[in-house]
Amino acid sequence: MRRSEFLRAVDEHFDARATWVLDDLVLPGVGMTANAAIGAGIPPREVWEALCTEADLPPSARYGVGLQTPRD
């Protein structure tokens, strides 16, 4: 998962709360906020998994999210 895909997935699933989720929610799986984790070099996929676990998102939200629709 690329950083851009991570950010797209956060926007897609958390909408208006995306900024709060990235900046303020400490994720037990990584021990810091999502933005701090990304800044510390933790792969976006690992941060996304921690965020999915903490927010109790369904399994369907965990895979293939953040990908752009292929162009024709």
Protein backbone atom coordinates (compact mmCIF):
# COMPACT_ATOMS: atom_id res chain seq x y z
CA MET A 1 0.00 0.00 0.00
CA ARG A 2 1.37 3.39 -0.97
CA ARG A 3 0.97 6.46 1.21
CA SER A 4 -1.44 7.97 -1.33
CA GLU A 5 -3.58 4.81 -1.20
CA PHE A 6 -3.52 4.94 2.60
CA LEU A 7 -4.72 8.54 2.64
CA ARG A 8 -7.42 7.78 0.06
CA ALA A 9 -8.63 4.85 2.19
CA VAL A 10 -8.75 7.00 5.33
CA ASP A 11 -10.78 9.65 3.48
CA GLU A 12 -13.07 6.99 2.05
CA HIS A 13 -13.81 5.30 5.38
CA PHE A 14 -13.66 8.18 7.86
CA ASP A 15 -14.82 11.12 5.72
CA ALA A 16 -15.09 14.26 7.89
CA ARG A 17 -13.27 12.55 10.78
CA ALA A 18 -10.20 11.69 8.66
CA THR A 19 -8.04 14.51 10.01
CA TRP A 20 -8.88 13.63 13.61
CA VAL A 21 -8.21 9.94 12.96
CA LEU A 22 -4.79 10.69 11.45
CA ASP A 23 -3.69 13.31 13.99
CA ASP A 24 -5.28 12.40 17.32
CA LEU A 25 -6.20 8.73 17.52
CA VAL A 26 -3.36 6.74 19.12
CA LEU A 27 -3.29 3.27 17.60
CA PRO A 28 -2.34 0.57 20.12
CA GLY A 29 -1.05 -1.61 17.28
CA VAL A 30 1.73 0.88 16.53
CA GLY A 31 1.81 2.89 19.76
CA MET A 32 1.31 6.31 18.14
CA THR A 33 -0.99 8.23 15.84
CA ALA A 34 -1.25 7.26 12.18
CA ASN A 35 0.59 10.37 11.01
CA ALA A 36 3.37 9.86 13.55
CA ALA A 37 3.67 6.20 12.54
CA ILE A 38 3.94 7.05 8.84
CA GLY A 39 6.50 9.75 9.69
CA ALA A 40 8.49 7.23 11.74
CA GLY A 41 8.74 4.95 8.72
CA ILE A 42 6.13 2.34 9.59
CA PRO A 43 4.69 1.02 6.32
CA PRO A 44 1.26 2.44 5.42
CA ARG A 45 -0.21 -1.08 5.17
CA GLU A 46 0.78 -1.80 8.79
CA VAL A 47 -0.70 1.52 9.94
CA TRP A 48 -3.89 0.82 7.97
CA GLU A 49 -4.22 -2.62 9.61
CA ALA A 50 -3.80 -1.03 13.07
CA LEU A 51 -6.39 1.61 12.20
CA CYS A 52 -8.84 -1.02 10.92
CA THR A 53 -8.42 -3.00 14.12
CA GLU A 54 -8.86 0.01 16.40
CA ALA A 55 -11.90 1.31 14.47
CA ASP A 56 -13.35 -2.20 14.16
CA LEU A 57 -13.74 -1.88 10.39
CA PRO A 58 -15.06 -4.98 8.60
CA PRO A 59 -12.67 -7.29 6.73
CA SER A 60 -13.92 -5.87 3.43
CA ALA A 61 -12.35 -2.52 4.36
CA ARG A 62 -8.91 -4.02 4.87
CA TYR A 63 -7.97 -5.17 1.38
CA GLY A 64 -7.95 -3.34 -1.91
CA VAL A 65 -8.88 -0.01 -0.35
CA GLY A 66 -7.42 3.22 -1.62
CA LEU A 67 -6.89 1.92 -5.12
CA GLN A 68 -7.99 4.15 -7.94
CA THR A 69 -10.46 2.87 -10.47
CA PRO A 70 -8.54 1.70 -13.55
CA ARG A 71 -8.80 3.96 -16.57
CA ASP A 72 -10.07 2.64 -19.88
